Amino acid sequence: MRWVRFQGHGVQHWLEMSDKGAILRRIEFDSAAPDPLPPQLRPERSDYPGAAVAAASITEFLSVRSRFGDSGAWVYEALRGDPAVEAEPPSDATEVTSDEFDHAWNHAVVQRNFTPCEGGPLPEGSRVTGTVEALPWGPGQTGILVDIGIPIPGFVDKAHLPGDPGEWPTIGVRGTFRVLQIRFSQWEDTARLQIRLEPIGILGRR
């Protein structure tokens, strides 16, 4: 494999490429984008300009699409960028090591995790209708799962539910929710997406 870095129009590009030239992972740092990390998580000295606007992996993308379908692929692109973008590194691109690329990748992924998702099918702040699907840990514990009509699971944390477990909604209750955050992780080659929701109004009991 080959790893390169190059600059263009205020954006620092990093590419991981196969021996045949296919892009496997790509990173973009935009010097004009503000750092989304909370001050306590920012490194004392950053080797990267601005903030990551892309940290996309073709392997992750294919895993998400396989598990969650087209809606999952759309959400991944909104969260991490389009991994299928074709880019030819210029002749003066700088060769970097795999360790240097991985360091940049990890930094970019953390930044993307803290960047509000404003695009895709479920931008943060949008409203969806859903049905309580499960209370997997029981009333009063952790939260509830919500089916919003797509393969990606919705989750309401107990902080957004009544303090009295007896007032928690039961399975089958429908309601309106606000999208708070979309969380993505790739764990042991398994793509995990979850939509964090907040109820709008009071969810009743059946």
C-alpha atoms as a PDB file:
ATOM      1  CA  MET A   1       0.000   0.000   0.000  1.00  0.00           C
ATOM      2  CA  ARG A   2       0.922   3.645  -0.341  1.00  0.00           C
ATOM      3  CA  TRP A   3       0.185   6.639   1.887  1.00  0.00           C
ATOM      4  CA  VAL A   4       0.476  10.240   0.702  1.00  0.00           C
ATOM      5  CA  ARG A   5      -0.295  13.769   1.852  1.00  0.00           C
ATOM      6  CA  PHE A   6      -0.786  16.913  -0.233  1.00  0.00           C
ATOM      7  CA  GLN A   7      -2.270  20.400   0.027  1.00  0.00           C
ATOM      8  CA  GLY A   8      -4.810  22.188  -2.143  1.00  0.00           C
ATOM      9  CA  HIS A   9      -7.072  25.229  -1.726  1.00  0.00           C
ATOM     10  CA  GLY A  10      -6.700  25.328   2.046  1.00  0.00           C
ATOM     11  CA  VAL A  11      -7.386  21.610   2.450  1.00  0.00           C
ATOM     12  CA  GLN A  12      -4.818  19.037   3.539  1.00  0.00           C
ATOM     13  CA  HIS A  13      -5.484  15.682   1.866  1.00  0.00           C
ATOM     14  CA  TRP A  14      -4.312  12.290   3.094  1.00  0.00           C
ATOM     15  CA  LEU A  15      -4.818   9.130   1.033  1.00  0.00           C
ATOM     16  CA  GLU A  16      -4.299   5.453   1.719  1.00  0.00           C
ATOM     17  CA  MET A  17      -4.052   3.669  -1.620  1.00  0.00           C
ATOM     18  CA  SER A  18      -3.861   0.052  -2.705  1.00  0.00           C
ATOM     19  CA  ASP A  19      -1.074  -1.244  -4.901  1.00  0.00           C
ATOM     20  CA  LYS A  20      -3.441  -0.764  -7.850  1.00  0.00           C
ATOM     21  CA  GLY A  21      -4.123   2.857  -6.953  1.00  0.00           C
ATOM     22  CA  ALA A  22      -7.600   2.426  -5.434  1.00  0.00           C
ATOM     23  CA  ILE A  23      -8.367   4.745  -2.515  1.00  0.00           C
ATOM     24  CA  LEU A  24      -8.999   2.739   0.652  1.00  0.00           C
ATOM     25  CA  ARG A  25      -9.180   5.566   3.173  1.00  0.00           C
ATOM     26  CA  ARG A  26      -9.128   9.324   2.763  1.00  0.00           C
ATOM     27  CA  ILE A  27      -8.838  12.241   5.161  1.00  0.00           C
ATOM     28  CA  GLU A  28      -9.396  15.941   4.599  1.00  0.00           C
ATOM     29  CA  PHE A  29      -8.474  18.712   7.025  1.00  0.00           C
ATOM     30  CA  ASP A  30      -9.953  22.096   6.136  1.00  0.00           C
ATOM     31  CA  SER A  31      -7.887  24.970   7.519  1.00  0.00           C
ATOM     32  CA  ALA A  32     -10.993  27.194   7.575  1.00  0.00           C
ATOM     33  CA  ALA A  33     -13.092  24.774   9.639  1.00  0.00           C
ATOM     34  CA  PRO A  34     -13.125  25.334  13.431  1.00  0.00           C
ATOM     35  CA  ASP A  35     -11.876  22.555  15.685  1.00  0.00           C
ATOM     36  CA  PRO A  36     -15.012  20.790  17.050  1.00  0.00           C
ATOM     37  CA  LEU A  37     -13.210  19.172  19.989  1.00  0.00           C
ATOM     38  CA  PRO A  38     -13.931  20.442  23.495  1.00  0.00           C
ATOM     39  CA  PRO A  39     -10.958  22.428  24.838  1.00  0.00           C
ATOM     40  CA  GLN A  40     -10.037  19.687  27.326  1.00  0.00           C
ATOM     41  CA  LEU A  41      -9.646  17.149  24.490  1.00  0.00           C
ATOM     42  CA  ARG A  42      -7.597  19.281  22.145  1.00  0.00           C
ATOM     43  CA  PRO A  43      -3.901  18.428  21.901  1.00  0.00           C
ATOM     44  CA  GLU A  44      -1.465  21.106  23.004  1.00  0.00           C
ATOM     45  CA  ARG A  45      -0.033  21.173  19.507  1.00  0.00           C
ATOM     46  CA  SER A  46      -1.887  19.960  16.445  1.00  0.00           C
ATOM     47  CA  ASP A  47      -0.105  18.684  13.370  1.00  0.00           C
ATOM     48  CA  TYR A  48      -3.245  19.186  11.291  1.00  0.00           C
ATOM     49  CA  PRO A  49      -4.855  22.417  10.084  1.00  0.00           C
ATOM     50  CA  GLY A  50      -8.382  23.364  11.066  1.00  0.00           C
ATOM     51  CA  ALA A  51     -10.701  20.392  11.396  1.00  0.00           C
ATOM     52  CA  ALA A  52     -11.432  17.131   9.633  1.00  0.00           C
ATOM     53  CA  VAL A  53     -14.210  17.386   7.076  1.00  0.00           C
ATOM     54  CA  ALA A  54     -13.729  13.791   5.898  1.00  0.00           C
ATOM     55  CA  ALA A  55     -12.464  10.536   7.409  1.00  0.00           C
ATOM     56  CA  ALA A  56     -13.890   7.947   5.050  1.00  0.00           C
ATOM     57  CA  SER A  57     -13.039   4.267   4.640  1.00  0.00           C
ATOM     58  CA  ILE A  58     -14.328   2.107   1.795  1.00  0.00           C
ATOM     59  CA  THR A  59     -14.272  -0.951   4.089  1.00  0.00           C
ATOM     60  CA  GLU A  60     -16.399   0.792   6.714  1.00  0.00           C
ATOM     61  CA  PHE A  61     -18.753   2.130   4.048  1.00  0.00           C
ATOM     62  CA  LEU A  62     -19.352  -1.309   2.539  1.00  0.00           C
ATOM     63  CA  SER A  63     -19.892  -2.797   6.004  1.00  0.00           C
ATOM     64  CA  VAL A  64     -22.455  -0.107   6.855  1.00  0.00           C
ATOM     65  CA  ARG A  65     -24.287  -0.541   3.560  1.00  0.00           C
ATOM     66  CA  SER A  66     -24.352  -4.330   3.988  1.00  0.00           C
ATOM     67  CA  ARG A  67     -25.876  -4.087   7.457  1.00  0.00           C
ATOM     68  CA  PHE A  68     -28.105  -1.018   7.209  1.00  0.00           C
ATOM     69  CA  GLY A  69     -28.838  -0.661   3.495  1.00  0.00           C
ATOM     70  CA  ASP A  70     -28.936   2.545   1.495  1.00  0.00           C
ATOM     71  CA  SER A  71     -30.089   4.643   4.461  1.00  0.00           C
ATOM     72  CA  GLY A  72     -27.045   3.521   6.428  1.00  0.00           C
ATOM     73  CA  ALA A  73     -24.742   4.342   3.508  1.00  0.00           C
ATOM     74  CA  TRP A  74     -26.266   7.823   3.272  1.00  0.00           C
ATOM     75  CA  VAL A  75     -25.812   8.390   6.985  1.00  0.00           C
ATOM     76  CA  TYR A  76     -22.182   7.212   6.809  1.00  0.00           C
ATOM     77  CA  GLU A  77     -21.431   9.663   4.008  1.00  0.00           C
ATOM     78  CA  ALA A  78     -22.965  12.488   6.055  1.00  0.00           C
ATOM     79  CA  LEU A  79     -20.920  11.522   9.116  1.00  0.00           C
ATOM     80  CA  ARG A  80     -17.591  10.640   7.552  1.00  0.00           C
ATOM     81  CA  GLY A  81     -17.586  11.671   3.897  1.00  0.00           C
ATOM     82  CA  ASP A  82     -17.872   9.854   0.583  1.00  0.00           C
ATOM     83  CA  PRO A  83     -15.188   7.142   0.372  1.00  0.00           C
ATOM     84  CA  ALA A  84     -15.755   6.685  -3.367  1.00  0.00           C
ATOM     85  CA  VAL A  85     -14.394  10.108  -4.315  1.00  0.00           C
ATOM     86  CA  GLU A  86     -11.722   9.672  -6.957  1.00  0.00           C
ATOM     87  CA  ALA A  87      -8.540  11.617  -6.355  1.00  0.00           C
ATOM     88  CA  GLU A  88      -5.211  11.465  -8.104  1.00  0.00           C
ATOM     89  CA  PRO A  89      -2.377  12.657  -5.885  1.00  0.00           C
ATOM     90  CA  PRO A  90      -0.216  15.306  -7.553  1.00  0.00           C
ATOM     91  CA  SER A  91       3.330  14.522  -8.569  1.00  0.00           C
ATOM     92  CA  ASP A  92       4.698  16.526  -5.635  1.00  0.00           C
ATOM     93  CA  ALA A  93       2.603  14.674  -2.999  1.00  0.00           C
ATOM     94  CA  THR A  94       4.558  13.776   0.125  1.00  0.00           C
ATOM     95  CA  GLU A  95       4.957  10.108   0.957  1.00  0.00           C
ATOM     96  CA  VAL A  96       4.062   9.309   4.580  1.00  0.00           C
ATOM     97  CA  THR A  97       4.355   6.171   6.669  1.00  0.00           C
ATOM     98  CA  SER A  98       1.463   3.949   7.707  1.00  0.00           C
ATOM     99  CA  ASP A  99       1.959   5.120  11.305  1.00  0.00           C
ATOM    100  CA  GLU A 100       1.762   8.768  10.250  1.00  0.00           C
ATOM    101  CA  PHE A 101      -1.412   8.069   8.298  1.00  0.00           C
ATOM    102  CA  ASP A 102      -2.982   6.147  11.204  1.00  0.00           C
ATOM    103  CA  HIS A 103      -2.192   9.012  13.574  1.00  0.00           C
ATOM    104  CA  ALA A 104      -3.905  11.470  11.238  1.00  0.00           C
ATOM    105  CA  TRP A 105      -6.798   9.028  10.760  1.00  0.00           C
ATOM    106  CA  ASN A 106      -7.418   8.616  14.489  1.00  0.00           C
ATOM    107  CA  HIS A 107      -7.367  12.383  15.000  1.00  0.00           C
ATOM    108  CA  ALA A 108      -9.772  12.910  12.092  1.00  0.00           C
ATOM    109  CA  VAL A 109     -12.186  10.236  13.336  1.00  0.00           C
ATOM    110  CA  VAL A 110     -12.355  11.806  16.805  1.00  0.00           C
ATOM    111  CA  GLN A 111     -13.022  15.208  15.268  1.00  0.00           C
ATOM    112  CA  ARG A 112     -15.783  13.808  13.042  1.00  0.00           C
ATOM    113  CA  ASN A 113     -17.353  12.175  16.111  1.00  0.00           C
ATOM    114  CA  PHE A 114     -17.656  15.651  17.668  1.00  0.00           C
ATOM    115  CA  THR A 115     -18.823  17.400  14.500  1.00  0.00           C
ATOM    116  CA  PRO A 116     -22.618  17.899  14.299  1.00  0.00           C
ATOM    117  CA  CYS A 117     -24.182  15.919  11.464  1.00  0.00           C
ATOM    118  CA  GLU A 118     -26.108  18.528   9.488  1.00  0.00           C
ATOM    119  CA  GLY A 119     -26.695  16.546   6.290  1.00  0.00           C
ATOM    120  CA  GLY A 120     -27.893  13.157   5.158  1.00  0.00           C
ATOM    121  CA  PRO A 121     -31.346  11.702   5.834  1.00  0.00           C
ATOM    122  CA  LEU A 122     -31.316  12.463   9.568  1.00  0.00           C
ATOM    123  CA  PRO A 123     -29.641  15.797  10.303  1.00  0.00           C
ATOM    124  CA  GLU A 124     -29.323  16.622  13.976  1.00  0.00           C
ATOM    125  CA  GLY A 125     -32.369  18.510  15.195  1.00  0.00           C
ATOM    126  CA  SER A 126     -34.744  16.914  12.692  1.00  0.00           C
ATOM    127  CA  ARG A 127     -37.957  15.253  13.845  1.00  0.00           C
ATOM    128  CA  VAL A 128     -38.962  11.647  13.295  1.00  0.00           C
ATOM    129  CA  THR A 129     -41.899   9.465  14.286  1.00  0.00           C
ATOM    130  CA  GLY A 130     -41.163   6.146  15.921  1.00  0.00           C
ATOM    131  CA  THR A 131     -42.487   3.234  17.950  1.00  0.00           C
ATOM    132  CA  VAL A 132     -41.006   1.961  21.198  1.00  0.00           C
ATOM    133  CA  GLU A 133     -39.486  -1.352  20.174  1.00  0.00           C
ATOM    134  CA  ALA A 134     -37.866  -2.650  23.353  1.00  0.00           C
ATOM    135  CA  LEU A 135     -36.862  -1.879  26.921  1.00  0.00           C
ATOM    136  CA  PRO A 136     -33.905  -4.283  26.827  1.00  0.00           C
ATOM    137  CA  TRP A 137     -32.625  -3.419  30.292  1.00  0.00           C
ATOM    138  CA  GLY A 138     -36.027  -2.935  31.918  1.00  0.00           C
ATOM    139  CA  PRO A 139     -37.871   0.242  32.998  1.00  0.00           C
ATOM    140  CA  GLY A 140     -35.619   2.781  34.693  1.00  0.00           C
ATOM    141  CA  GLN A 141     -32.416   1.230  33.328  1.00  0.00           C
ATOM    142  CA  THR A 142     -30.222   2.761  30.600  1.00  0.00           C
ATOM    143  CA  GLY A 143     -32.912   3.615  28.022  1.00  0.00           C
ATOM    144  CA  ILE A 144     -35.295   2.387  25.337  1.00  0.00           C
ATOM    145  CA  LEU A 145     -34.970   1.325  21.705  1.00  0.00           C
ATOM    146  CA  VAL A 146     -37.164   2.991  19.086  1.00  0.00           C
ATOM    147  CA  ASP A 147     -38.071   1.846  15.580  1.00  0.00           C
ATOM    148  CA  ILE A 148     -38.184   4.873  13.252  1.00  0.00           C
ATOM    149  CA  GLY A 149     -38.867   2.887  10.097  1.00  0.00           C
ATOM    150  CA  ILE A 150     -35.317   2.345   8.853  1.00  0.00           C
ATOM    151  CA  PRO A 151     -32.786  -0.402   9.683  1.00  0.00           C
ATOM    152  CA  ILE A 152     -30.750   1.922  11.941  1.00  0.00           C
ATOM    153  CA  PRO A 153     -31.824   1.575  15.601  1.00  0.00           C
ATOM    154  CA  GLY A 154     -33.006   4.580  17.565  1.00  0.00           C
ATOM    155  CA  PHE A 155     -32.143   4.974  21.243  1.00  0.00           C
ATOM    156  CA  VAL A 156     -33.521   7.232  23.980  1.00  0.00           C
ATOM    157  CA  ASP A 157     -31.263   7.605  26.998  1.00  0.00           C
ATOM    158  CA  LYS A 158     -32.906   7.414  30.411  1.00  0.00           C
ATOM    159  CA  ALA A 159     -31.874  11.046  31.002  1.00  0.00           C
ATOM    160  CA  HIS A 160     -34.657  11.966  28.551  1.00  0.00           C
ATOM    161  CA  LEU A 161     -37.259   9.717  30.199  1.00  0.00           C
ATOM    162  CA  PRO A 162     -39.307  10.120  33.405  1.00  0.00           C
ATOM    163  CA  GLY A 163     -37.445   9.582  36.652  1.00  0.00           C
ATOM    164  CA  ASP A 164     -40.179   7.195  37.812  1.00  0.00           C
ATOM    165  CA  PRO A 165     -39.709   3.856  35.976  1.00  0.00           C
ATOM    166  CA  GLY A 166     -43.457   3.296  36.272  1.00  0.00           C
ATOM    167  CA  GLU A 167     -44.023   6.194  33.897  1.00  0.00           C
ATOM    168  CA  TRP A 168     -41.759   4.859  31.167  1.00  0.00           C
ATOM    169  CA  PRO A 169     -43.482   4.076  27.862  1.00  0.00           C
ATOM    170  CA  THR A 170     -44.246   0.481  27.021  1.00  0.00           C
ATOM    171  CA  ILE A 171     -43.541  -1.429  23.820  1.00  0.00           C
ATOM    172  CA  GLY A 172     -45.753  -0.300  20.964  1.00  0.00           C
ATOM    173  CA  VAL A 173     -46.151   3.322  22.072  1.00  0.00           C
ATOM    174  CA  ARG A 174     -45.679   5.777  19.204  1.00  0.00           C
ATOM    175  CA  GLY A 175     -44.318   9.278  19.501  1.00  0.00           C
ATOM    176  CA  THR A 176     -42.331  12.076  17.919  1.00  0.00           C
ATOM    177  CA  PHE A 177     -38.605  12.397  18.566  1.00  0.00           C
ATOM    178  CA  ARG A 178     -35.824  14.855  17.899  1.00  0.00           C
ATOM    179  CA  VAL A 179     -32.539  13.544  16.470  1.00  0.00           C
ATOM    180  CA  LEU A 180     -29.795  14.467  18.943  1.00  0.00           C
ATOM    181  CA  GLN A 181     -26.802  12.625  17.511  1.00  0.00           C
ATOM    182  CA  ILE A 182     -25.848   9.777  15.216  1.00  0.00           C
ATOM    183  CA  ARG A 183     -23.141   7.519  16.591  1.00  0.00           C
ATOM    184  CA  PHE A 184     -20.982   5.251  14.477  1.00  0.00           C
ATOM    185  CA  SER A 185     -18.298   2.756  15.392  1.00  0.00           C
ATOM    186  CA  GLN A 186     -16.577  -0.090  13.607  1.00  0.00           C
ATOM    187  CA  TRP A 187     -15.908  -2.876  16.083  1.00  0.00           C
ATOM    188  CA  GLU A 188     -14.380  -6.226  15.133  1.00  0.00           C
ATOM    189  CA  ASP A 189     -15.392  -5.729  11.501  1.00  0.00           C
ATOM    190  CA  THR A 190     -18.979  -4.998  12.534  1.00  0.00           C
ATOM    191  CA  ALA A 191     -20.493  -1.635  11.665  1.00  0.00           C
ATOM    192  CA  ARG A 192     -22.548  -0.086  14.428  1.00  0.00           C
ATOM    193  CA  LEU A 193     -24.859   2.861  13.871  1.00  0.00           C
ATOM    194  CA  GLN A 194     -27.215   4.299  16.444  1.00  0.00           C
ATOM    195  CA  ILE A 195     -29.500   7.320  16.345  1.00  0.00           C
ATOM    196  CA  ARG A 196     -29.722   9.108  19.681  1.00  0.00           C
ATOM    197  CA  LEU A 197     -33.208  10.536  20.162  1.00  0.00           C
ATOM    198  CA  GLU A 198     -35.077  12.828  22.530  1.00  0.00           C
ATOM    199  CA  PRO A 199     -38.865  12.537  22.941  1.00  0.00           C
ATOM    200  CA  ILE A 200     -40.866  15.613  21.982  1.00  0.00           C
ATOM    201  CA  GLY A 201     -43.661  15.776  24.518  1.00  0.00           C
ATOM    202  CA  ILE A 202     -44.645  12.953  26.851  1.00  0.00           C
ATOM    203  CA  LEU A 203     -44.625   9.341  25.760  1.00  0.00           C
ATOM    204  CA  GLY A 204     -47.616   7.555  27.238  1.00  0.00           C
ATOM    205  CA  ARG A 205     -48.257   3.931  28.072  1.00  0.00           C
ATOM    206  CA  ARG A 206     -50.375   1.452  26.150  1.00  0.00           C
END
